[in-house]
Amino acid sequence: TGRPIPVNVRILAATNKNLQEEIRH
């Protein structure tokens, strides 16, 4: 359609990984 759907969402994220280490790799 080419018409994006607007969304109003609050995002909470969780991880047990070291994301800075994941970024380096």
PDB file of all heavy atoms in Angstrom:
ATOM      1  N   THR A   1       0.817  -1.219   0.000  1.00  0.00           N
ATOM      2  CA  THR A   1       0.000   0.000   0.000  1.00  0.00           C
ATOM      3  C   THR A   1       0.847   1.263   0.000  1.00  0.00           C
ATOM      4  O   THR A   1       0.417   2.301  -0.480  1.00  0.00           O
ATOM      5  CB  THR A   1      -0.923   0.033   1.225  1.00  0.00           C
ATOM      6  OG1 THR A   1      -0.126   0.098   2.423  1.00  0.00           O
ATOM      7  CG2 THR A   1      -1.804  -1.218   1.270  1.00  0.00           C
ATOM      8  N   GLY A   2       2.056   1.179   0.561  1.00  0.00           N
ATOM      9  CA  GLY A   2       2.887   2.364   0.670  1.00  0.00           C
ATOM     10  C   GLY A   2       2.426   3.315   1.745  1.00  0.00           C
ATOM     11  O   GLY A   2       2.912   4.444   1.834  1.00  0.00           O
ATOM     12  N   ARG A   3       1.482   2.874   2.572  1.00  0.00           N
ATOM     13  CA  ARG A   3       0.963   3.712   3.655  1.00  0.00           C
ATOM     14  C   ARG A   3       1.387   3.110   4.997  1.00  0.00           C
ATOM     15  O   ARG A   3       0.767   2.150   5.473  1.00  0.00           O
ATOM     16  CB  ARG A   3      -0.562   3.821   3.580  1.00  0.00           C
ATOM     17  CG  ARG A   3      -1.054   4.556   2.344  1.00  0.00           C
ATOM     18  CD  ARG A   3      -2.539   4.905   2.476  1.00  0.00           C
ATOM     19  NE  ARG A   3      -3.347   3.706   2.616  1.00  0.00           N
ATOM     20  CZ  ARG A   3      -3.876   3.046   1.590  1.00  0.00           C
ATOM     21  NH1 ARG A   3      -3.655   3.444   0.339  1.00  0.00           N
ATOM     22  NH2 ARG A   3      -4.617   1.973   1.793  1.00  0.00           N
ATOM     23  N   PRO A   4       2.429   3.640   5.618  1.00  0.00           N
ATOM     24  CA  PRO A   4       2.877   3.109   6.912  1.00  0.00           C
ATOM     25  C   PRO A   4       1.802   3.253   7.983  1.00  0.00           C
ATOM     26  O   PRO A   4       0.980   4.167   7.940  1.00  0.00           O
ATOM     27  CB  PRO A   4       4.104   3.963   7.243  1.00  0.00           C
ATOM     28  CG  PRO A   4       4.546   4.520   5.938  1.00  0.00           C
ATOM     29  CD  PRO A   4       3.293   4.723   5.138  1.00  0.00           C
ATOM     30  N   ILE A   5       1.821   2.339   8.942  1.00  0.00           N
ATOM     31  CA  ILE A   5       0.846   2.323  10.028  1.00  0.00           C
ATOM     32  C   ILE A   5       1.462   3.017  11.242  1.00  0.00           C
ATOM     33  O   ILE A   5       2.515   2.601  11.734  1.00  0.00           O
ATOM     34  CB  ILE A   5       0.466   0.881  10.387  1.00  0.00           C
ATOM     35  CG1 ILE A   5      -0.129   0.177   9.167  1.00  0.00           C
ATOM     36  CG2 ILE A   5      -0.507   0.847  11.563  1.00  0.00           C
ATOM     37  CD1 ILE A   5      -0.265  -1.322   9.334  1.00  0.00           C
ATOM     38  N   PRO A   6       0.850   4.104  11.747  1.00  0.00           N
ATOM     39  CA  PRO A   6       1.408   4.776  12.928  1.00  0.00           C
ATOM     40  C   PRO A   6       1.210   3.937  14.188  1.00  0.00           C
ATOM     41  O   PRO A   6       0.160   3.313  14.368  1.00  0.00           O
ATOM     42  CB  PRO A   6       0.610   6.078  12.995  1.00  0.00           C
ATOM     43  CG  PRO A   6      -0.680   5.772  12.307  1.00  0.00           C
ATOM     44  CD  PRO A   6      -0.361   4.767  11.236  1.00  0.00           C
ATOM     45  N   VAL A   7       2.210   3.905  15.045  1.00  0.00           N
ATOM     46  CA  VAL A   7       2.124   3.186  16.322  1.00  0.00           C
ATOM     47  C   VAL A   7       2.715   4.057  17.425  1.00  0.00           C
ATOM     48  O   VAL A   7       3.700   4.754  17.219  1.00  0.00           O
ATOM     49  CB  VAL A   7       2.852   1.820  16.289  1.00  0.00           C
ATOM     50  CG1 VAL A   7       2.085   0.812  15.469  1.00  0.00           C
ATOM     51  CG2 VAL A   7       4.275   1.966  15.757  1.00  0.00           C
ATOM     52  N   ASN A   8       2.086   4.009  18.578  1.00  0.00           N
ATOM     53  CA  ASN A   8       2.556   4.742  19.756  1.00  0.00           C
ATOM     54  C   ASN A   8       2.840   3.713  20.838  1.00  0.00           C
ATOM     55  O   ASN A   8       1.936   3.250  21.528  1.00  0.00           O
ATOM     56  CB  ASN A   8       1.500   5.740  20.206  1.00  0.00           C
ATOM     57  CG  ASN A   8       1.945   6.550  21.418  1.00  0.00           C
ATOM     58  OD1 ASN A   8       2.971   6.259  22.036  1.00  0.00           O
ATOM     59  ND2 ASN A   8       1.169   7.547  21.773  1.00  0.00           N
ATOM     60  N   VAL A   9       4.091   3.342  20.957  1.00  0.00           N
ATOM     61  CA  VAL A   9       4.481   2.236  21.836  1.00  0.00           C
ATOM     62  C   VAL A   9       5.659   2.651  22.697  1.00  0.00           C
ATOM     63  O   VAL A   9       6.603   3.278  22.212  1.00  0.00           O
ATOM     64  CB  VAL A   9       4.873   0.992  21.007  1.00  0.00           C
ATOM     65  CG1 VAL A   9       5.413  -0.118  21.903  1.00  0.00           C
ATOM     66  CG2 VAL A   9       3.681   0.478  20.212  1.00  0.00           C
ATOM     67  N   ARG A  10       5.582   2.299  23.985  1.00  0.00           N
ATOM     68  CA  ARG A  10       6.759   2.463  24.837  1.00  0.00           C
ATOM     69  C   ARG A  10       7.535   1.152  24.810  1.00  0.00           C
ATOM     70  O   ARG A  10       6.966   0.079  25.020  1.00  0.00           O
ATOM     71  CB  ARG A  10       6.366   2.779  26.273  1.00  0.00           C
ATOM     72  CG  ARG A  10       7.615   3.015  27.142  1.00  0.00           C
ATOM     73  CD  ARG A  10       7.308   3.190  28.586  1.00  0.00           C
ATOM     74  NE  ARG A  10       8.463   3.727  29.289  1.00  0.00           N
ATOM     75  CZ  ARG A  10       8.451   4.083  30.562  1.00  0.00           C
ATOM     76  NH1 ARG A  10       7.343   3.972  31.273  1.00  0.00           N
ATOM     77  NH2 ARG A  10       9.533   4.559  31.143  1.00  0.00           N
ATOM     78  N   ILE A  11       8.834   1.243  24.606  1.00  0.00           N
ATOM     79  CA  ILE A  11       9.653   0.040  24.471  1.00  0.00           C
ATOM     80  C   ILE A  11      10.523  -0.155  25.706  1.00  0.00           C
ATOM     81  O   ILE A  11      11.258   0.732  26.120  1.00  0.00           O
ATOM     82  CB  ILE A  11      10.543   0.124  23.217  1.00  0.00           C
ATOM     83  CG1 ILE A  11       9.666   0.168  21.963  1.00  0.00           C
ATOM     84  CG2 ILE A  11      11.496  -1.065  23.155  1.00  0.00           C
ATOM     85  CD1 ILE A  11      10.446   0.324  20.684  1.00  0.00           C
ATOM     86  N   LEU A  12      10.396  -1.348  26.275  1.00  0.00           N
ATOM     87  CA  LEU A  12      11.295  -1.816  27.328  1.00  0.00           C
ATOM     88  C   LEU A  12      12.037  -3.019  26.764  1.00  0.00           C
ATOM     89  O   LEU A  12      11.426  -3.877  26.123  1.00  0.00           O
ATOM     90  CB  LEU A  12      10.515  -2.219  28.579  1.00  0.00           C
ATOM     91  CG  LEU A  12       9.514  -1.205  29.147  1.00  0.00           C
ATOM     92  CD1 LEU A  12       8.791  -1.801  30.347  1.00  0.00           C
ATOM     93  CD2 LEU A  12      10.211   0.091  29.533  1.00  0.00           C
ATOM     94  N   ALA A  13      13.323  -3.088  26.971  1.00  0.00           N
ATOM     95  CA  ALA A  13      14.116  -4.201  26.452  1.00  0.00           C
ATOM     96  C   ALA A  13      14.925  -4.817  27.578  1.00  0.00           C
ATOM     97  O   ALA A  13      15.252  -4.153  28.563  1.00  0.00           O
ATOM     98  CB  ALA A  13      15.040  -3.724  25.327  1.00  0.00           C
ATOM     99  N   ALA A  14      15.231  -6.103  27.424  1.00  0.00           N
ATOM    100  CA  ALA A  14      16.021  -6.804  28.440  1.00  0.00           C
ATOM    101  C   ALA A  14      16.969  -7.775  27.757  1.00  0.00           C
ATOM    102  O   ALA A  14      16.667  -8.305  26.675  1.00  0.00           O
ATOM    103  CB  ALA A  14      15.113  -7.553  29.418  1.00  0.00           C
ATOM    104  N   THR A  15      18.107  -7.997  28.369  1.00  0.00           N
ATOM    105  CA  THR A  15      19.063  -8.953  27.832  1.00  0.00           C
ATOM    106  C   THR A  15      19.999  -9.431  28.932  1.00  0.00           C
ATOM    107  O   THR A  15      20.245  -8.715  29.905  1.00  0.00           O
ATOM    108  CB  THR A  15      19.884  -8.340  26.685  1.00  0.00           C
ATOM    109  OG1 THR A  15      20.763  -9.331  26.145  1.00  0.00           O
ATOM    110  CG2 THR A  15      20.707  -7.162  27.168  1.00  0.00           C
ATOM    111  N   ASN A  16      20.507 -10.639  28.761  1.00  0.00           N
ATOM    112  CA  ASN A  16      21.531 -11.148  29.665  1.00  0.00           C
ATOM    113  C   ASN A  16      22.914 -11.059  29.023  1.00  0.00           C
ATOM    114  O   ASN A  16      23.905 -11.510  29.595  1.00  0.00           O
ATOM    115  CB  ASN A  16      21.235 -12.597  30.069  1.00  0.00           C
ATOM    116  CG  ASN A  16      21.297 -13.548  28.885  1.00  0.00           C
ATOM    117  OD1 ASN A  16      21.253 -13.122  27.734  1.00  0.00           O
ATOM    118  ND2 ASN A  16      21.396 -14.837  29.152  1.00  0.00           N
ATOM    119  N   LYS A  17      22.954 -10.478  27.819  1.00  0.00           N
ATOM    120  CA  LYS A  17      24.212 -10.373  27.092  1.00  0.00           C
ATOM    121  C   LYS A  17      24.852  -9.005  27.327  1.00  0.00           C
ATOM    122  O   LYS A  17      24.179  -8.032  27.660  1.00  0.00           O
ATOM    123  CB  LYS A  17      23.980 -10.580  25.596  1.00  0.00           C
ATOM    124  CG  LYS A  17      23.589 -11.998  25.227  1.00  0.00           C
ATOM    125  CD  LYS A  17      23.519 -12.176  23.725  1.00  0.00           C
ATOM    126  CE  LYS A  17      23.262 -13.635  23.364  1.00  0.00           C
ATOM    127  NZ  LYS A  17      23.224 -13.831  21.907  1.00  0.00           N
ATOM    128  N   ASN A  18      26.161  -8.956  27.097  1.00  0.00           N
ATOM    129  CA  ASN A  18      26.896  -7.697  27.116  1.00  0.00           C
ATOM    130  C   ASN A  18      26.758  -7.093  25.712  1.00  0.00           C
ATOM    131  O   ASN A  18      27.459  -7.485  24.783  1.00  0.00           O
ATOM    132  CB  ASN A  18      28.358  -7.940  27.466  1.00  0.00           C
ATOM    133  CG  ASN A  18      29.155  -6.653  27.582  1.00  0.00           C
ATOM    134  OD1 ASN A  18      28.836  -5.649  26.953  1.00  0.00           O
ATOM    135  ND2 ASN A  18      30.217  -6.686  28.379  1.00  0.00           N
ATOM    136  N   LEU A  19      25.844  -6.147  25.552  1.00  0.00           N
ATOM    137  CA  LEU A  19      25.565  -5.623  24.220  1.00  0.00           C
ATOM    138  C   LEU A  19      26.745  -4.851  23.633  1.00  0.00           C
ATOM    139  O   LEU A  19      26.918  -4.824  22.417  1.00  0.00           O
ATOM    140  CB  LEU A  19      24.316  -4.734  24.255  1.00  0.00           C
ATOM    141  CG  LEU A  19      22.992  -5.461  24.508  1.00  0.00           C
ATOM    142  CD1 LEU A  19      21.822  -4.506  24.329  1.00  0.00           C
ATOM    143  CD2 LEU A  19      22.826  -6.669  23.593  1.00  0.00           C
ATOM    144  N   GLN A  20      27.557  -4.239  24.479  1.00  0.00           N
ATOM    145  CA  GLN A  20      28.735  -3.547  23.952  1.00  0.00           C
ATOM    146  C   GLN A  20      29.716  -4.547  23.338  1.00  0.00           C
ATOM    147  O   GLN A  20      30.347  -4.253  22.314  1.00  0.00           O
ATOM    148  CB  GLN A  20      29.393  -2.731  25.056  1.00  0.00           C
ATOM    149  CG  GLN A  20      28.527  -1.560  25.517  1.00  0.00           C
ATOM    150  CD  GLN A  20      29.175  -0.730  26.587  1.00  0.00           C
ATOM    151  OE1 GLN A  20      30.006  -1.229  27.345  1.00  0.00           O
ATOM    152  NE2 GLN A  20      28.804   0.542  26.660  1.00  0.00           N
ATOM    153  N   GLU A  21      29.799  -5.722  23.947  1.00  0.00           N
ATOM    154  CA  GLU A  21      30.624  -6.787  23.369  1.00  0.00           C
ATOM    155  C   GLU A  21      30.013  -7.292  22.068  1.00  0.00           C
ATOM    156  O   GLU A  21      30.723  -7.563  21.082  1.00  0.00           O
ATOM    157  CB  GLU A  21      30.760  -7.938  24.374  1.00  0.00           C
ATOM    158  CG  GLU A  21      31.720  -9.038  23.947  1.00  0.00           C
ATOM    159  CD  GLU A  21      33.170  -8.597  23.980  1.00  0.00           C
ATOM    160  OE1 GLU A  21      33.501  -7.607  24.670  1.00  0.00           O
ATOM    161  OE2 GLU A  21      33.978  -9.233  23.288  1.00  0.00           O
ATOM    162  N   GLU A  22      28.684  -7.405  22.028  1.00  0.00           N
ATOM    163  CA  GLU A  22      27.987  -7.826  20.807  1.00  0.00           C
ATOM    164  C   GLU A  22      28.200  -6.800  19.695  1.00  0.00           C
ATOM    165  O   GLU A  22      28.348  -7.159  18.529  1.00  0.00           O
ATOM    166  CB  GLU A  22      26.495  -7.985  21.084  1.00  0.00           C
ATOM    167  CG  GLU A  22      26.144  -9.076  22.081  1.00  0.00           C
ATOM    168  CD  GLU A  22      26.510 -10.461  21.564  1.00  0.00           C
ATOM    169  OE1 GLU A  22      25.970 -10.850  20.508  1.00  0.00           O
ATOM    170  OE2 GLU A  22      27.329 -11.134  22.215  1.00  0.00           O
ATOM    171  N   ILE A  23      28.233  -5.519  20.038  1.00  0.00           N
ATOM    172  CA  ILE A  23      28.482  -4.468  19.054  1.00  0.00           C
ATOM    173  C   ILE A  23      29.879  -4.620  18.460  1.00  0.00           C
ATOM    174  O   ILE A  23      30.080  -4.515  17.239  1.00  0.00           O
ATOM    175  CB  ILE A  23      28.311  -3.076  19.700  1.00  0.00           C
ATOM    176  CG1 ILE A  23      26.842  -2.823  20.031  1.00  0.00           C
ATOM    177  CG2 ILE A  23      28.842  -1.979  18.773  1.00  0.00           C
ATOM    178  CD1 ILE A  23      26.608  -1.605  20.908  1.00  0.00           C
ATOM    179  N   ARG A  24      30.863  -4.888  19.309  1.00  0.00           N
ATOM    180  CA  ARG A  24      32.243  -5.036  18.826  1.00  0.00           C
ATOM    181  C   ARG A  24      32.381  -6.197  17.846  1.00  0.00           C
ATOM    182  O   ARG A  24      33.231  -6.165  16.956  1.00  0.00           O
ATOM    183  CB  ARG A  24      33.192  -5.227  20.015  1.00  0.00           C
ATOM    184  CG  ARG A  24      33.522  -3.938  20.740  1.00  0.00           C
ATOM    185  CD  ARG A  24      34.688  -4.113  21.691  1.00  0.00           C
ATOM    186  NE  ARG A  24      34.323  -4.890  22.855  1.00  0.00           N
ATOM    187  CZ  ARG A  24      33.819  -4.381  23.979  1.00  0.00           C
ATOM    188  NH1 ARG A  24      33.606  -3.083  24.064  1.00  0.00           N
ATOM    189  NH2 ARG A  24      33.529  -5.147  24.996  1.00  0.00           N
ATOM    190  N   HIS A  25      31.535  -7.219  18.017  1.00  0.00           N
ATOM    191  CA  HIS A  25      31.594  -8.380  17.121  1.00  0.00           C
ATOM    192  C   HIS A  25      30.609  -8.261  15.955  1.00  0.00           C
ATOM    193  O   HIS A  25      30.420  -9.225  15.205  1.00  0.00           O
ATOM    194  CB  HIS A  25      31.321  -9.664  17.907  1.00  0.00           C
ATOM    195  CG  HIS A  25      32.446 -10.065  18.818  1.00  0.00           C
ATOM    196  ND1 HIS A  25      32.562  -9.590  20.102  1.00  0.00           N
ATOM    197  CD2 HIS A  25      33.510 -10.882  18.618  1.00  0.00           C
ATOM    198  CE1 HIS A  25      33.641 -10.104  20.671  1.00  0.00           C
ATOM    199  NE2 HIS A  25      34.245 -10.888  19.795  1.00  0.00           N
TER     200      HIS A  25
END
